[in-house]
Protein backbone atom coordinates (compact mmCIF):
# COMPACT_ATOMS: atom_id res chain seq x y z
CA GLU A 1 -23.85 6.97 -9.22
CA SER A 2 -25.17 4.65 -6.52
CA ILE A 3 -22.72 3.17 -4.04
CA ASP A 4 -22.90 -0.27 -2.47
CA TYR A 5 -22.00 0.87 1.05
CA GLY A 6 -21.91 -2.66 2.41
CA ARG A 7 -19.22 -3.56 -0.13
CA LEU A 8 -17.39 -0.29 0.55
CA TYR A 9 -17.37 -0.89 4.32
CA SER A 10 -16.10 -4.43 3.79
CA ALA A 11 -13.35 -3.36 1.39
CA CYS A 12 -12.22 -0.58 3.72
CA ASP A 13 -12.19 -2.84 6.79
CA ILE A 14 -14.80 -0.82 8.65
CA GLY A 15 -17.78 -2.37 10.33
CA ARG A 16 -21.36 -1.91 9.24
CA ARG A 17 -23.16 0.75 11.24
CA PRO A 18 -26.82 0.67 10.20
CA ALA A 19 -27.73 3.77 12.20
CA ILE A 20 -25.16 6.04 10.56
CA GLN A 21 -26.01 8.12 7.51
CA ALA A 22 -24.06 7.49 4.30
CA ASN A 23 -22.56 11.00 4.27
CA ASP A 24 -21.40 10.61 7.85
CA ALA A 25 -19.81 7.25 7.06
CA LEU A 26 -17.91 8.73 4.13
CA PHE A 27 -16.84 11.68 6.28
CA ASP A 28 -15.43 9.28 8.88
CA LEU A 29 -13.71 7.26 6.18
CA LEU A 30 -11.89 10.38 5.04
CA TYR A 31 -11.16 12.21 8.28
CA ASP A 32 -11.59 10.00 11.36
CA ARG A 33 -8.22 10.06 13.10
CA ALA A 34 -9.33 7.33 15.52
CA ASN A 35 -9.89 4.93 12.61
CA PRO A 36 -6.55 3.48 11.41
CA ASN A 37 -8.18 2.75 8.02
CA SER A 38 -9.32 6.32 7.34
CA ILE A 39 -7.60 8.25 4.55
CA HIS A 40 -6.25 10.77 7.06
CA SER A 41 -4.82 8.07 9.34
CA LEU A 42 -3.16 6.25 6.45
CA ALA A 43 -1.61 9.47 5.13
CA GLN A 44 -0.40 10.39 8.62
CA ALA A 45 1.13 6.91 9.02
CA ALA A 46 2.90 7.33 5.66
CA TYR A 47 4.30 10.67 6.82
CA ASN A 48 5.49 9.17 10.12
CA VAL A 49 7.32 6.41 8.22
CA ALA A 50 8.81 8.79 5.66
CA THR A 51 10.09 11.39 8.14
CA PRO A 52 13.05 9.32 9.45
CA LEU A 53 14.11 8.82 5.81
CA SER A 54 14.15 12.54 5.04
CA GLN A 55 17.92 12.69 4.74
CA GLU A 56 17.94 9.83 2.24
CA ILE A 57 14.92 10.77 0.10
CA GLY A 58 15.01 14.54 0.62
CA TYR A 59 12.87 16.87 2.68
CA ASP A 60 10.90 17.88 -0.41
CA ALA A 61 9.58 14.33 -0.71
CA THR A 62 8.24 14.20 2.84
CA SER A 63 6.81 17.71 2.50
CA TYR A 64 4.51 16.46 -0.28
CA ILE A 65 2.82 14.10 2.19
CA LYS A 66 2.47 16.93 4.69
CA LEU A 67 0.89 19.09 1.98
CA ALA A 68 -1.49 16.25 1.13
CA LEU A 69 -2.57 16.06 4.77
CA SER A 70 -3.09 19.82 4.87
CA ASN A 71 -5.17 19.82 1.69
CA LEU A 72 -7.17 16.84 2.90
CA GLN A 73 -8.14 18.79 6.01
CA LYS A 74 -9.24 21.70 3.80
CA THR A 75 -11.61 19.43 1.88
CA LYS A 76 -13.93 19.58 4.89
CA ASN A 77 -15.00 23.00 3.57
CA PRO A 78 -17.73 22.32 0.97
CA SER A 79 -16.75 25.37 -1.09
CA THR A 80 -13.22 24.04 -1.71
CA CYS A 81 -13.88 20.30 -1.43
CA LEU A 82 -13.24 19.17 -5.02
CA LEU A 83 -10.32 21.53 -5.56
CA LYS A 84 -8.52 20.45 -2.39
CA HIS A 85 -9.18 16.76 -3.01
CA ARG A 86 -7.48 17.19 -6.36
CA SER A 87 -4.59 19.05 -4.71
CA ALA A 88 -4.15 16.27 -2.14
CA CYS A 89 -4.01 13.66 -4.91
CA ASP A 90 -1.51 15.79 -6.84
CA ASN A 91 0.65 16.09 -3.72
CA LEU A 92 0.78 12.31 -3.30
CA LEU A 93 1.62 11.81 -6.99
CA SER A 94 4.40 14.36 -6.58
CA PHE A 95 5.73 12.37 -3.63
CA TRP A 96 6.09 9.23 -5.75
CA GLY A 97 7.68 11.23 -8.56
CA SER A 98 10.19 12.71 -6.14
CA ILE A 99 11.08 9.23 -4.87
CA GLU A 100 11.79 8.08 -8.41
CA ASP A 101 13.97 11.13 -9.11
CA CYS A 102 15.80 11.43 -5.78
CA THR A 103 19.41 10.40 -5.25
CA ALA A 104 18.66 8.02 -2.39
CA PRO A 105 20.45 4.65 -2.45
CA THR A 106 18.78 2.10 -4.70
CA ASN A 107 17.94 -0.22 -1.81
CA VAL A 108 16.15 2.60 0.08
CA LYS A 109 14.03 3.47 -2.96
CA ALA A 110 13.33 -0.21 -3.57
CA LEU A 111 12.06 -0.71 -0.01
CA ILE A 112 9.71 2.26 -0.34
CA PHE A 113 8.27 0.94 -3.59
CA LEU A 114 7.96 -2.56 -2.14
CA GLY A 115 5.79 -1.09 0.60
CA LYS A 116 3.68 0.61 -2.05
CA TYR A 117 3.05 -2.63 -3.91
CA VAL A 118 2.35 -4.64 -0.76
CA LYS A 119 -0.48 -2.22 -0.05
CA ARG A 120 -1.65 -2.19 -3.65
CA ILE A 121 -1.88 -5.98 -3.83
CA GLU A 122 -3.91 -6.05 -0.62
CA LEU A 123 -6.20 -3.29 -1.90
CA TYR A 124 -6.82 -5.15 -5.15
CA ALA A 125 -7.85 -8.20 -3.14
CA ARG A 126 -10.10 -6.19 -0.82
CA PHE A 127 -11.83 -4.49 -3.74
CA LYS A 128 -12.24 -7.82 -5.58
CA LYS A 129 -10.21 -6.95 -8.67
CA GLY A 130 -9.86 -9.47 -11.48
CA ASP A 131 -7.02 -11.97 -11.45
CA ARG A 132 -5.19 -10.27 -14.33
CA THR A 133 -5.03 -7.02 -12.36
CA PHE A 134 -2.41 -8.54 -10.07
CA SER A 135 0.11 -9.21 -12.85
CA SER A 136 1.57 -5.70 -12.94
CA PRO A 137 2.15 -5.21 -9.19
CA PHE A 138 3.58 -8.73 -8.91
CA LEU A 139 6.10 -8.06 -11.69
CA LYS A 140 7.09 -4.71 -10.18
CA PHE A 141 7.35 -6.23 -6.72
CA ASN A 142 9.63 -8.97 -7.99
CA PHE A 143 11.78 -6.34 -9.74
CA TYR A 144 12.27 -4.18 -6.64
CA LEU A 145 12.90 -7.25 -4.52
CA GLN A 146 16.11 -7.84 -6.48
CA ASN A 147 17.42 -4.42 -5.41
CA ILE A 148 17.46 -4.76 -1.65
CA SER A 149 20.00 -6.26 0.70
CA PRO A 150 19.65 -9.70 2.33
CA GLU A 151 18.87 -7.92 5.60
CA GLY A 152 16.09 -5.97 3.90
CA SER A 153 14.72 -9.16 2.38
CA ALA A 154 14.66 -10.87 5.76
CA ALA A 155 12.70 -7.96 7.21
CA LEU A 156 10.13 -8.32 4.45
CA GLN A 157 9.48 -12.02 5.07
CA PRO A 158 6.86 -11.61 7.85
CA VAL A 159 5.18 -8.79 5.90
CA LEU A 160 4.81 -11.01 2.84
CA SER A 161 3.67 -14.00 4.89
CA GLN A 162 0.95 -11.85 6.43
CA LEU A 163 -0.03 -10.53 2.98
CA ALA A 164 -0.29 -14.07 1.62
CA GLU A 165 -2.61 -15.08 4.45
CA ARG A 166 -4.70 -11.96 4.02
CA ILE A 167 -5.34 -12.26 0.29
CA LYS A 168 -6.00 -15.98 0.65
CA GLU A 169 -8.74 -15.14 3.18
CA LEU A 170 -10.18 -12.78 0.56
CA GLY A 171 -10.44 -15.56 -2.02
CA TYR A 172 -7.21 -15.20 -4.01
CA SER A 173 -5.51 -18.54 -3.41
CA GLU A 174 -3.35 -18.50 -6.55
CA GLN A 175 -2.07 -15.01 -5.84
CA ALA A 176 -1.49 -15.96 -2.20
CA SER A 177 0.66 -18.89 -3.32
CA PHE A 178 2.81 -16.55 -5.37
CA VAL A 179 3.26 -14.15 -2.45
CA HIS A 180 4.08 -17.10 -0.19
CA VAL A 181 6.89 -18.11 -2.56
CA LEU A 182 8.21 -14.55 -2.48
CA ALA A 183 8.16 -14.72 1.32
CA LEU A 184 10.16 -17.96 1.22
CA SER A 185 12.69 -16.34 -1.11
CA CYS A 186 13.25 -13.60 1.51
CA ALA A 187 14.21 -16.08 4.22
CA PRO A 188 17.92 -16.62 4.96
CA ALA A 189 19.24 -19.39 2.72
CA GLN A 190 19.73 -21.85 5.59
CA LEU A 191 16.04 -21.51 6.55
CA ARG A 192 14.53 -21.99 3.10
CA PRO A 193 12.71 -25.26 2.38
CA ALA A 194 14.05 -27.48 -0.36
CA THR A 195 11.86 -26.42 -3.27
CA ASP A 196 12.35 -25.15 -6.79
CA GLU A 197 11.31 -21.57 -6.10
CA HIS A 198 12.48 -20.31 -9.47
CA PHE A 199 10.13 -22.69 -11.27
CA ILE A 200 7.17 -21.57 -9.15
CA LEU A 201 7.93 -17.90 -9.66
CA GLU A 202 8.21 -18.31 -13.40
CA GLY A 203 4.96 -20.22 -13.53
CA GLN A 204 3.07 -17.56 -11.57
CA ALA A 205 4.54 -14.56 -13.44
């Protein structure tokens, strides 16, 4: 199957490099530790974030990310490439399953899943998904948002404001408006503008 590398580079936030071969570009996208948007860098960042939460979510959960990183490194060997890619994906799926099943406080689990859906919404925008694709992550995001403390909500406000700006830049104005309303709902009550947020949320959902 042919790949539109220009579209891939744009979606992955990496610059066009006309002189580089396609295979080399894909290799960098997977393994380049200097590129914060490479698969390896993103997995390492996820591990760094998860490690301080090990006591809450369990050491088994964080070990799945470490296993994924290990298997990703092993995919550099052509003879085990497909097998280890599959193992790395299975490791990450196991991580999310362990989060769902762990005994961590509800607000901790909710914050982790909110981070997941922030990234998913941004990825959908970058890869130019259809408008209907956003319905599911928006509903799940709104659900998990009800399960965190006011302090947690306040911490999310700048993240959501940045997400709204980002997806608006990518051409999703309606979705950006919805995220902006979510950001407003995370602000302390005394800082919220006088607007019927509930009406807007219901209309967007």
